Amino acid sequence: SVLIWSYLQLAILGCSAALSPTYSVYCIFRFLCGMAVSGIIINGVSL
């Protein structure tokens, strides 16, 4: 369940990062993308 959510989070927020109007907004999106990447890696390895 967490792996499935992580895929969706990275897809949506990663694409949203490309629309960032400012540096600060881009950094926020990259932070959230990093969270999703972590969820994909640790759950993928264990599963």
All heavy atoms as atom14 arrays in JSON, in Angstrom:
{
  "sequence": "SVLIWSYLQLAILGCSAALSPTYSVYCIFRFLCGMAVSGIIINGVSL",
  "atom14_mask": [
    [1, 1, 1, 1, 1, 1, 0, 0, 0, 0, 0, 0, 0, 0],
    [1, 1, 1, 1, 1, 1, 1, 0, 0, 0, 0, 0, 0, 0],
    [1, 1, 1, 1, 1, 1, 1, 1, 0, 0, 0, 0, 0, 0],
    [1, 1, 1, 1, 1, 1, 1, 1, 0, 0, 0, 0, 0, 0],
    [1, 1, 1, 1, 1, 1, 1, 1, 1, 1, 1, 1, 1, 1],
    [1, 1, 1, 1, 1, 1, 0, 0, 0, 0, 0, 0, 0, 0],
    [1, 1, 1, 1, 1, 1, 1, 1, 1, 1, 1, 1, 0, 0],
    [1, 1, 1, 1, 1, 1, 1, 1, 0, 0, 0, 0, 0, 0],
    [1, 1, 1, 1, 1, 1, 1, 1, 1, 0, 0, 0, 0, 0],
    [1, 1, 1, 1, 1, 1, 1, 1, 0, 0, 0, 0, 0, 0],
    [1, 1, 1, 1, 1, 0, 0, 0, 0, 0, 0, 0, 0, 0],
    [1, 1, 1, 1, 1, 1, 1, 1, 0, 0, 0, 0, 0, 0],
    [1, 1, 1, 1, 1, 1, 1, 1, 0, 0, 0, 0, 0, 0],
    [1, 1, 1, 1, 0, 0, 0, 0, 0, 0, 0, 0, 0, 0],
    [1, 1, 1, 1, 1, 1, 0, 0, 0, 0, 0, 0, 0, 0],
    [1, 1, 1, 1, 1, 1, 0, 0, 0, 0, 0, 0, 0, 0],
    [1, 1, 1, 1, 1, 0, 0, 0, 0, 0, 0, 0, 0, 0],
    [1, 1, 1, 1, 1, 0, 0, 0, 0, 0, 0, 0, 0, 0],
    [1, 1, 1, 1, 1, 1, 1, 1, 0, 0, 0, 0, 0, 0],
    [1, 1, 1, 1, 1, 1, 0, 0, 0, 0, 0, 0, 0, 0],
    [1, 1, 1, 1, 1, 1, 1, 0, 0, 0, 0, 0, 0, 0],
    [1, 1, 1, 1, 1, 1, 1, 0, 0, 0, 0, 0, 0, 0],
    [1, 1, 1, 1, 1, 1, 1, 1, 1, 1, 1, 1, 0, 0],
    [1, 1, 1, 1, 1, 1, 0, 0, 0, 0, 0, 0, 0, 0],
    [1, 1, 1, 1, 1, 1, 1, 0, 0, 0, 0, 0, 0, 0],
    [1, 1, 1, 1, 1, 1, 1, 1, 1, 1, 1, 1, 0, 0],
    [1, 1, 1, 1, 1, 1, 0, 0, 0, 0, 0, 0, 0, 0],
    [1, 1, 1, 1, 1, 1, 1, 1, 0, 0, 0, 0, 0, 0],
    [1, 1, 1, 1, 1, 1, 1, 1, 1, 1, 1, 0, 0, 0],
    [1, 1, 1, 1, 1, 1, 1, 1, 1, 1, 1, 0, 0, 0],
    [1, 1, 1, 1, 1, 1, 1, 1, 1, 1, 1, 0, 0, 0],
    [1, 1, 1, 1, 1, 1, 1, 1, 0, 0, 0, 0, 0, 0],
    [1, 1, 1, 1, 1, 1, 0, 0, 0, 0, 0, 0, 0, 0],
    [1, 1, 1, 1, 0, 0, 0, 0, 0, 0, 0, 0, 0, 0],
    [1, 1, 1, 1, 1, 1, 1, 1, 0, 0, 0, 0, 0, 0],
    [1, 1, 1, 1, 1, 0, 0, 0, 0, 0, 0, 0, 0, 0],
    [1, 1, 1, 1, 1, 1, 1, 0, 0, 0, 0, 0, 0, 0],
    [1, 1, 1, 1, 1, 1, 0, 0, 0, 0, 0, 0, 0, 0],
    [1, 1, 1, 1, 0, 0, 0, 0, 0, 0, 0, 0, 0, 0],
    [1, 1, 1, 1, 1, 1, 1, 1, 0, 0, 0, 0, 0, 0],
    [1, 1, 1, 1, 1, 1, 1, 1, 0, 0, 0, 0, 0, 0],
    [1, 1, 1, 1, 1, 1, 1, 1, 0, 0, 0, 0, 0, 0],
    [1, 1, 1, 1, 1, 1, 1, 1, 0, 0, 0, 0, 0, 0],
    [1, 1, 1, 1, 0, 0, 0, 0, 0, 0, 0, 0, 0, 0],
    [1, 1, 1, 1, 1, 1, 1, 0, 0, 0, 0, 0, 0, 0],
    [1, 1, 1, 1, 1, 1, 0, 0, 0, 0, 0, 0, 0, 0],
    [1, 1, 1, 1, 1, 1, 1, 1, 0, 0, 0, 0, 0, 0]
  ],
  "atom14_positions": [
    [[0.82, -1.21, 0.0], [0.0, 0.0, 0.0], [0.85, 1.26, 0.0], [0.56, 2.23, -0.72], [-0.95, 0.0, 1.21], [-0.21, -0.1, 2.42], [0.0, 0.0, 0.0], [0.0, 0.0, 0.0], [0.0, 0.0, 0.0], [0.0, 0.0, 0.0], [0.0, 0.0, 0.0], [0.0, 0.0, 0.0], [0.0, 0.0, 0.0], [0.0, 0.0, 0.0]],
    [[1.94, 1.26, 0.79], [2.81, 2.44, 0.83], [3.57, 2.59, -0.48], [3.82, 3.7, -0.95], [3.77, 2.35, 2.03], [4.73, 3.54, 2.05], [2.99, 2.29, 3.34], [0.0, 0.0, 0.0], [0.0, 0.0, 0.0], [0.0, 0.0, 0.0], [0.0, 0.0, 0.0], [0.0, 0.0, 0.0], [0.0, 0.0, 0.0], [0.0, 0.0, 0.0]],
    [[3.95, 1.47, -1.09], [4.64, 1.52, -2.38], [3.74, 2.12, -3.46], [4.16, 2.97, -4.25], [5.08, 0.11, -2.78], [5.83, -0.02, -4.11], [7.11, 0.81, -4.11], [6.15, -1.49, -4.41], [0.0, 0.0, 0.0], [0.0, 0.0, 0.0], [0.0, 0.0, 0.0], [0.0, 0.0, 0.0], [0.0, 0.0, 0.0], [0.0, 0.0, 0.0]],
    [[2.48, 1.69, -3.48], [1.53, 2.22, -4.46], [1.37, 3.74, -4.29], [1.39, 4.5, -5.26], [0.17, 1.52, -4.33], [0.29, 0.05, -4.77], [-0.9, 2.22, -5.15], [-0.96, -0.77, -4.51], [0.0, 0.0, 0.0], [0.0, 0.0, 0.0], [0.0, 0.0, 0.0], [0.0, 0.0, 0.0], [0.0, 0.0, 0.0], [0.0, 0.0, 0.0]],
    [[1.21, 4.17, -3.05], [1.07, 5.61, -2.78], [2.31, 6.38, -3.22], [2.2, 7.49, -3.76], [0.79, 5.83, -1.31], [0.89, 7.29, -0.92], [1.93, 7.93, -0.32], [-0.09, 8.3, -1.2], [1.67, 9.26, -0.18], [0.43, 9.52, -0.71], [-1.35, 8.29, -1.81], [-0.26, 10.72, -0.8], [-2.04, 9.49, -1.9], [-1.5, 10.68, -1.4]],
    [[3.49, 5.82, -2.98], [4.74, 6.51, -3.33], [4.85, 6.73, -4.83], [5.33, 7.78, -5.27], [5.94, 5.7, -2.82], [5.91, 5.58, -1.41], [0.0, 0.0, 0.0], [0.0, 0.0, 0.0], [0.0, 0.0, 0.0], [0.0, 0.0, 0.0], [0.0, 0.0, 0.0], [0.0, 0.0, 0.0], [0.0, 0.0, 0.0], [0.0, 0.0, 0.0]],
    [[4.42, 5.74, -5.63], [4.43, 5.92, -7.09], [3.56, 7.12, -7.48], [3.96, 7.96, -8.3], [3.9, 4.67, -7.79], [4.83, 3.49, -7.81], [4.34, 2.2, -7.62], [6.19, 3.65, -8.02], [5.19, 1.1, -7.64], [7.05, 2.55, -8.04], [6.54, 1.28, -7.85], [7.39, 0.19, -7.87], [0.0, 0.0, 0.0], [0.0, 0.0, 0.0]],
    [[2.37, 7.18, -6.92], [1.44, 8.25, -7.26], [1.98, 9.61, -6.82], [1.88, 10.6, -7.56], [0.07, 7.98, -6.63], [-1.03, 8.99, -6.96], [-1.31, 8.98, -8.47], [-2.31, 8.68, -6.18], [0.0, 0.0, 0.0], [0.0, 0.0, 0.0], [0.0, 0.0, 0.0], [0.0, 0.0, 0.0], [0.0, 0.0, 0.0], [0.0, 0.0, 0.0]],
    [[2.55, 9.65, -5.63], [3.09, 10.92, -5.12], [4.21, 11.44, -6.0], [4.26, 12.64, -6.33], [3.6, 10.72, -3.69], [4.22, 11.98, -3.09], [4.59, 11.8, -1.63], [3.9, 11.12, -0.89], [5.7, 12.4, -1.21], [0.0, 0.0, 0.0], [0.0, 0.0, 0.0], [0.0, 0.0, 0.0], [0.0, 0.0, 0.0], [0.0, 0.0, 0.0]],
    [[5.11, 10.56, -6.42], [6.22, 10.99, -7.26], [5.72, 11.44, -8.64], [6.22, 12.42, -9.21], [7.24, 9.87, -7.4], [8.5, 10.2, -8.21], [9.22, 11.42, -7.64], [9.44, 9.01, -8.26], [0.0, 0.0, 0.0], [0.0, 0.0, 0.0], [0.0, 0.0, 0.0], [0.0, 0.0, 0.0], [0.0, 0.0, 0.0], [0.0, 0.0, 0.0]],
    [[4.74, 10.73, -9.18], [4.22, 11.08, -10.51], [3.59, 12.46, -10.5], [3.89, 13.31, -11.35], [3.21, 10.03, -10.97], [0.0, 0.0, 0.0], [0.0, 0.0, 0.0], [0.0, 0.0, 0.0], [0.0, 0.0, 0.0], [0.0, 0.0, 0.0], [0.0, 0.0, 0.0], [0.0, 0.0, 0.0], [0.0, 0.0, 0.0], [0.0, 0.0, 0.0]],
    [[2.73, 12.72, -9.53], [1.99, 13.99, -9.5], [2.9, 15.15, -9.12], [2.96, 16.18, -9.81], [0.81, 13.89, -8.51], [-0.23, 12.88, -9.03], [0.16, 15.26, -8.33], [-1.39, 12.66, -8.07], [0.0, 0.0, 0.0], [0.0, 0.0, 0.0], [0.0, 0.0, 0.0], [0.0, 0.0, 0.0], [0.0, 0.0, 0.0], [0.0, 0.0, 0.0]],
    [[3.63, 15.0, -8.02], [4.44, 16.12, -7.52], [5.67, 16.34, -8.39], [6.14, 17.48, -8.52], [4.84, 15.86, -6.08], [3.67, 15.74, -5.09], [4.18, 15.51, -3.68], [2.8, 17.0, -5.14], [0.0, 0.0, 0.0], [0.0, 0.0, 0.0], [0.0, 0.0, 0.0], [0.0, 0.0, 0.0], [0.0, 0.0, 0.0], [0.0, 0.0, 0.0]],
    [[6.2, 15.27, -9.0], [7.35, 15.43, -9.88], [6.99, 16.24, -11.12], [7.74, 17.13, -11.55], [0.0, 0.0, 0.0], [0.0, 0.0, 0.0], [0.0, 0.0, 0.0], [0.0, 0.0, 0.0], [0.0, 0.0, 0.0], [0.0, 0.0, 0.0], [0.0, 0.0, 0.0], [0.0, 0.0, 0.0], [0.0, 0.0, 0.0], [0.0, 0.0, 0.0]],
    [[5.82, 15.95, -11.7], [5.37, 16.71, -12.86], [5.02, 18.14, -12.46], [5.25, 19.09, -13.22], [4.17, 16.03, -13.51], [4.55, 14.45, -14.3], [0.0, 0.0, 0.0], [0.0, 0.0, 0.0], [0.0, 0.0, 0.0], [0.0, 0.0, 0.0], [0.0, 0.0, 0.0], [0.0, 0.0, 0.0], [0.0, 0.0, 0.0], [0.0, 0.0, 0.0]],
    [[4.47, 18.3, -11.26], [4.13, 19.64, -10.78], [5.37, 20.5, -10.59], [5.33, 21.72, -10.77], [3.36, 19.55, -9.46], [2.15, 18.84, -9.61], [0.0, 0.0, 0.0], [0.0, 0.0, 0.0], [0.0, 0.0, 0.0], [0.0, 0.0, 0.0], [0.0, 0.0, 0.0], [0.0, 0.0, 0.0], [0.0, 0.0, 0.0], [0.0, 0.0, 0.0]],
    [[6.49, 19.86, -10.24], [7.74, 20.6, -10.03], [8.18, 21.32, -11.3], [8.82, 22.37, -11.24], [8.84, 19.66, -9.56], [0.0, 0.0, 0.0], [0.0, 0.0, 0.0], [0.0, 0.0, 0.0], [0.0, 0.0, 0.0], [0.0, 0.0, 0.0], [0.0, 0.0, 0.0], [0.0, 0.0, 0.0], [0.0, 0.0, 0.0], [0.0, 0.0, 0.0]],
    [[7.83, 20.76, -12.46], [8.21, 21.38, -13.73], [7.47, 22.69, -13.98], [7.86, 23.48, -14.83], [7.94, 20.41, -14.88], [0.0, 0.0, 0.0], [0.0, 0.0, 0.0], [0.0, 0.0, 0.0], [0.0, 0.0, 0.0], [0.0, 0.0, 0.0], [0.0, 0.0, 0.0], [0.0, 0.0, 0.0], [0.0, 0.0, 0.0], [0.0, 0.0, 0.0]],
    [[6.39, 22.92, -13.22], [5.61, 24.15, -13.37], [5.96, 25.18, -12.32], [5.28, 26.22, -12.22], [4.11, 23.82, -13.29], [3.59, 22.76, -14.27], [2.11, 22.46, -14.01], [3.79, 23.22, -15.71], [0.0, 0.0, 0.0], [0.0, 0.0, 0.0], [0.0, 0.0, 0.0], [0.0, 0.0, 0.0], [0.0, 0.0, 0.0], [0.0, 0.0, 0.0]],
    [[6.99, 24.93, -11.55], [7.35, 25.82, -10.44], [7.65, 27.23, -10.94], [8.52, 27.43, -11.79], [8.58, 25.27, -9.71], [8.33, 23.98, -9.21], [0.0, 0.0, 0.0], [0.0, 0.0, 0.0], [0.0, 0.0, 0.0], [0.0, 0.0, 0.0], [0.0, 0.0, 0.0], [0.0, 0.0, 0.0], [0.0, 0.0, 0.0], [0.0, 0.0, 0.0]],
    [[6.95, 28.23, -10.37], [7.2, 29.61, -10.81], [8.42, 30.24, -10.13], [8.98, 31.2, -10.65], [5.91, 30.33, -10.4], [5.42, 29.56, -9.21], [5.81, 28.13, -9.46], [0.0, 0.0, 0.0], [0.0, 0.0, 0.0], [0.0, 0.0, 0.0], [0.0, 0.0, 0.0], [0.0, 0.0, 0.0], [0.0, 0.0, 0.0], [0.0, 0.0, 0.0]],
    [[8.8, 29.7, -8.96], [9.92, 30.28, -8.21], [10.84, 29.19, -7.7], [10.48, 28.0, -7.66], [9.42, 31.1, -7.01], [8.76, 30.22, -6.08], [8.46, 32.21, -7.44], [0.0, 0.0, 0.0], [0.0, 0.0, 0.0], [0.0, 0.0, 0.0], [0.0, 0.0, 0.0], [0.0, 0.0, 0.0], [0.0, 0.0, 0.0], [0.0, 0.0, 0.0]],
    [[12.01, 29.61, -7.28], [12.99, 28.69, -6.71], [12.45, 28.0, -5.46], [12.6, 26.79, -5.3], [14.26, 29.47, -6.38], [15.31, 28.68, -5.61], [16.2, 27.85, -6.27], [15.4, 28.78, -4.23], [17.16, 27.13, -5.57], [16.35, 28.07, -3.51], [17.24, 27.25, -4.19], [18.18, 26.54, -3.49], [0.0, 0.0, 0.0], [0.0, 0.0, 0.0]],
    [[11.81, 28.74, -4.59], [11.31, 28.17, -3.33], [10.25, 27.1, -3.59], [10.26, 26.04, -2.94], [10.71, 29.28, -2.45], [11.69, 30.24, -2.12], [0.0, 0.0, 0.0], [0.0, 0.0, 0.0], [0.0, 0.0, 0.0], [0.0, 0.0, 0.0], [0.0, 0.0, 0.0], [0.0, 0.0, 0.0], [0.0, 0.0, 0.0], [0.0, 0.0, 0.0]],
    [[9.37, 27.34, -4.52], [8.32, 26.36, -4.84], [8.96, 25.09, -5.41], [8.55, 23.97, -5.06], [7.32, 26.96, -5.84], [6.35, 25.88, -6.34], [6.55, 28.1, -5.2], [0.0, 0.0, 0.0], [0.0, 0.0, 0.0], [0.0, 0.0, 0.0], [0.0, 0.0, 0.0], [0.0, 0.0, 0.0], [0.0, 0.0, 0.0], [0.0, 0.0, 0.0]],
    [[9.96, 25.26, -6.26], [10.64, 24.09, -6.83], [11.29, 23.25, -5.73], [11.22, 22.02, -5.75], [11.68, 24.53, -7.85], [12.42, 23.38, -8.5], [11.75, 22.5, -9.34], [13.78, 23.17, -8.26], [12.41, 21.44, -9.94], [14.45, 22.11, -8.85], [13.77, 21.25, -9.69], [14.43, 20.19, -10.27], [0.0, 0.0, 0.0], [0.0, 0.0, 0.0]],
    [[11.91, 23.91, -4.77], [12.56, 23.18, -3.67], [11.54, 22.39, -2.85], [11.82, 21.27, -2.42], [13.31, 24.16, -2.76], [14.83, 24.82, -3.48], [0.0, 0.0, 0.0], [0.0, 0.0, 0.0], [0.0, 0.0, 0.0], [0.0, 0.0, 0.0], [0.0, 0.0, 0.0], [0.0, 0.0, 0.0], [0.0, 0.0, 0.0], [0.0, 0.0, 0.0]],
    [[10.36, 22.97, -2.64], [9.32, 22.25, -1.9], [8.9, 20.99, -2.65], [8.76, 19.91, -2.05], [8.11, 23.18, -1.67], [8.49, 24.31, -0.7], [6.91, 22.4, -1.12], [7.42, 25.38, -0.56], [0.0, 0.0, 0.0], [0.0, 0.0, 0.0], [0.0, 0.0, 0.0], [0.0, 0.0, 0.0], [0.0, 0.0, 0.0], [0.0, 0.0, 0.0]],
    [[8.69, 21.12, -3.94], [8.29, 19.95, -4.74], [9.4, 18.89, -4.74], [9.12, 17.69, -4.68], [7.96, 20.36, -6.17], [6.57, 20.89, -6.34], [6.35, 22.16, -6.87], [5.47, 20.13, -5.98], [5.06, 22.66, -7.03], [4.18, 20.62, -6.14], [3.97, 21.89, -6.66], [0.0, 0.0, 0.0], [0.0, 0.0, 0.0], [0.0, 0.0, 0.0]],
    [[10.66, 19.33, -4.82], [11.76, 18.36, -4.81], [11.85, 17.63, -3.48], [12.18, 16.45, -3.42], [13.09, 19.06, -5.12], [13.25, 19.45, -6.57], [13.23, 18.26, -7.49], [14.42, 17.44, -7.38], [14.52, 16.18, -7.76], [13.47, 15.57, -8.28], [15.65, 15.52, -7.64], [0.0, 0.0, 0.0], [0.0, 0.0, 0.0], [0.0, 0.0, 0.0]],
    [[11.55, 18.34, -2.4], [11.53, 17.7, -1.08], [10.48, 16.59, -1.03], [10.75, 15.48, -0.57], [11.24, 18.76, -0.01], [11.15, 18.21, 1.39], [12.29, 18.08, 2.17], [9.93, 17.83, 1.93], [12.22, 17.58, 3.46], [9.84, 17.32, 3.22], [10.99, 17.2, 3.99], [0.0, 0.0, 0.0], [0.0, 0.0, 0.0], [0.0, 0.0, 0.0]],
    [[9.29, 16.88, -1.53], [8.21, 15.9, -1.53], [8.51, 14.74, -2.48], [8.13, 13.59, -2.22], [6.89, 16.58, -1.89], [6.41, 17.65, -0.9], [5.19, 18.38, -1.44], [6.11, 17.03, 0.46], [0.0, 0.0, 0.0], [0.0, 0.0, 0.0], [0.0, 0.0, 0.0], [0.0, 0.0, 0.0], [0.0, 0.0, 0.0], [0.0, 0.0, 0.0]],
    [[9.18, 15.04, -3.59], [9.6, 13.97, -4.51], [10.61, 13.06, -3.82], [10.58, 11.83, -4.0], [10.21, 14.56, -5.78], [9.03, 15.31, -6.91], [0.0, 0.0, 0.0], [0.0, 0.0, 0.0], [0.0, 0.0, 0.0], [0.0, 0.0, 0.0], [0.0, 0.0, 0.0], [0.0, 0.0, 0.0], [0.0, 0.0, 0.0], [0.0, 0.0, 0.0]],
    [[11.52, 13.64, -3.05], [12.49, 12.84, -2.32], [11.82, 11.89, -1.34], [12.25, 10.73, -1.2], [0.0, 0.0, 0.0], [0.0, 0.0, 0.0], [0.0, 0.0, 0.0], [0.0, 0.0, 0.0], [0.0, 0.0, 0.0], [0.0, 0.0, 0.0], [0.0, 0.0, 0.0], [0.0, 0.0, 0.0], [0.0, 0.0, 0.0], [0.0, 0.0, 0.0]],
    [[10.77, 12.34, -0.68], [10.02, 11.46, 0.22], [9.46, 10.27, -0.55], [9.54, 9.12, -0.08], [8.88, 12.23, 0.88], [9.32, 13.26, 1.91], [7.9, 14.06, 2.71], [7.1, 12.65, 3.5], [0.0, 0.0, 0.0], [0.0, 0.0, 0.0], [0.0, 0.0, 0.0], [0.0, 0.0, 0.0], [0.0, 0.0, 0.0], [0.0, 0.0, 0.0]],
    [[8.88, 10.54, -1.72], [8.29, 9.46, -2.52], [9.35, 8.48, -3.0], [9.13, 7.25, -2.99], [7.54, 10.05, -3.71], [0.0, 0.0, 0.0], [0.0, 0.0, 0.0], [0.0, 0.0, 0.0], [0.0, 0.0, 0.0], [0.0, 0.0, 0.0], [0.0, 0.0, 0.0], [0.0, 0.0, 0.0], [0.0, 0.0, 0.0], [0.0, 0.0, 0.0]],
    [[10.51, 8.98, -3.42], [11.59, 8.1, -3.86], [12.01, 7.16, -2.74], [12.24, 5.96, -2.95], [12.8, 8.94, -4.34], [14.04, 8.06, -4.51], [12.47, 9.64, -5.64], [0.0, 0.0, 0.0], [0.0, 0.0, 0.0], [0.0, 0.0, 0.0], [0.0, 0.0, 0.0], [0.0, 0.0, 0.0], [0.0, 0.0, 0.0], [0.0, 0.0, 0.0]],
    [[12.09, 7.68, -1.53], [12.45, 6.85, -0.39], [11.42, 5.75, -0.16], [11.76, 4.59, 0.09], [12.58, 7.72, 0.87], [13.2, 7.01, 1.92], [0.0, 0.0, 0.0], [0.0, 0.0, 0.0], [0.0, 0.0, 0.0], [0.0, 0.0, 0.0], [0.0, 0.0, 0.0], [0.0, 0.0, 0.0], [0.0, 0.0, 0.0], [0.0, 0.0, 0.0]],
    [[10.14, 6.11, -0.27], [9.09, 5.11, -0.1], [9.15, 4.02, -1.15], [8.92, 2.84, -0.86], [0.0, 0.0, 0.0], [0.0, 0.0, 0.0], [0.0, 0.0, 0.0], [0.0, 0.0, 0.0], [0.0, 0.0, 0.0], [0.0, 0.0, 0.0], [0.0, 0.0, 0.0], [0.0, 0.0, 0.0], [0.0, 0.0, 0.0], [0.0, 0.0, 0.0]],
    [[9.49, 4.38, -2.38], [9.6, 3.4, -3.47], [10.77, 2.45, -3.22], [10.65, 1.23, -3.37], [9.76, 4.11, -4.82], [8.47, 4.86, -5.18], [10.1, 3.11, -5.93], [8.59, 5.74, -6.4], [0.0, 0.0, 0.0], [0.0, 0.0, 0.0], [0.0, 0.0, 0.0], [0.0, 0.0, 0.0], [0.0, 0.0, 0.0], [0.0, 0.0, 0.0]],
    [[11.91, 3.0, -2.83], [13.11, 2.18, -2.68], [12.98, 1.19, -1.53], [13.17, -0.02, -1.7], [14.35, 3.07, -2.49], [14.66, 3.83, -3.79], [15.56, 2.23, -2.09], [15.8, 4.81, -3.66], [0.0, 0.0, 0.0], [0.0, 0.0, 0.0], [0.0, 0.0, 0.0], [0.0, 0.0, 0.0], [0.0, 0.0, 0.0], [0.0, 0.0, 0.0]],
    [[12.64, 1.68, -0.33], [12.65, 0.79, 0.83], [11.54, -0.25, 0.76], [11.73, -1.4, 1.19], [12.57, 1.58, 2.15], [11.27, 2.36, 2.27], [13.75, 2.5, 2.31], [11.13, 3.09, 3.6], [0.0, 0.0, 0.0], [0.0, 0.0, 0.0], [0.0, 0.0, 0.0], [0.0, 0.0, 0.0], [0.0, 0.0, 0.0], [0.0, 0.0, 0.0]],
    [[10.39, 0.11, 0.19], [9.3, -0.86, 0.08], [9.52, -1.81, -1.07], [9.15, -2.99, -0.99], [7.97, -0.13, -0.06], [7.52, 0.49, 1.24], [7.08, -0.2, 2.14], [7.64, 1.81, 1.34], [0.0, 0.0, 0.0], [0.0, 0.0, 0.0], [0.0, 0.0, 0.0], [0.0, 0.0, 0.0], [0.0, 0.0, 0.0], [0.0, 0.0, 0.0]],
    [[10.11, -1.31, -2.16], [10.41, -2.2, -3.28], [11.41, -3.27, -2.91], [11.25, -4.45, -3.25], [0.0, 0.0, 0.0], [0.0, 0.0, 0.0], [0.0, 0.0, 0.0], [0.0, 0.0, 0.0], [0.0, 0.0, 0.0], [0.0, 0.0, 0.0], [0.0, 0.0, 0.0], [0.0, 0.0, 0.0], [0.0, 0.0, 0.0], [0.0, 0.0, 0.0]],
    [[12.47, -2.88, -2.18], [13.49, -3.85, -1.76], [12.88, -4.92, -0.87], [13.09, -6.11, -1.06], [14.65, -3.13, -1.03], [15.57, -4.15, -0.37], [15.44, -2.26, -1.99], [0.0, 0.0, 0.0], [0.0, 0.0, 0.0], [0.0, 0.0, 0.0], [0.0, 0.0, 0.0], [0.0, 0.0, 0.0], [0.0, 0.0, 0.0], [0.0, 0.0, 0.0]],
    [[12.09, -4.5, 0.13], [11.52, -5.47, 1.07], [10.49, -6.37, 0.39], [10.44, -7.58, 0.66], [10.88, -4.75, 2.25], [11.86, -4.17, 3.07], [0.0, 0.0, 0.0], [0.0, 0.0, 0.0], [0.0, 0.0, 0.0], [0.0, 0.0, 0.0], [0.0, 0.0, 0.0], [0.0, 0.0, 0.0], [0.0, 0.0, 0.0], [0.0, 0.0, 0.0]],
    [[9.66, -5.78, -0.46], [8.62, -6.59, -1.1], [9.24, -7.63, -2.03], [8.7, -8.73, -2.21], [7.67, -5.68, -1.88], [6.28, -6.26, -2.2], [5.57, -6.69, -0.92], [5.44, -5.22, -2.94], [0.0, 0.0, 0.0], [0.0, 0.0, 0.0], [0.0, 0.0, 0.0], [0.0, 0.0, 0.0], [0.0, 0.0, 0.0], [0.0, 0.0, 0.0]]
  ]
}
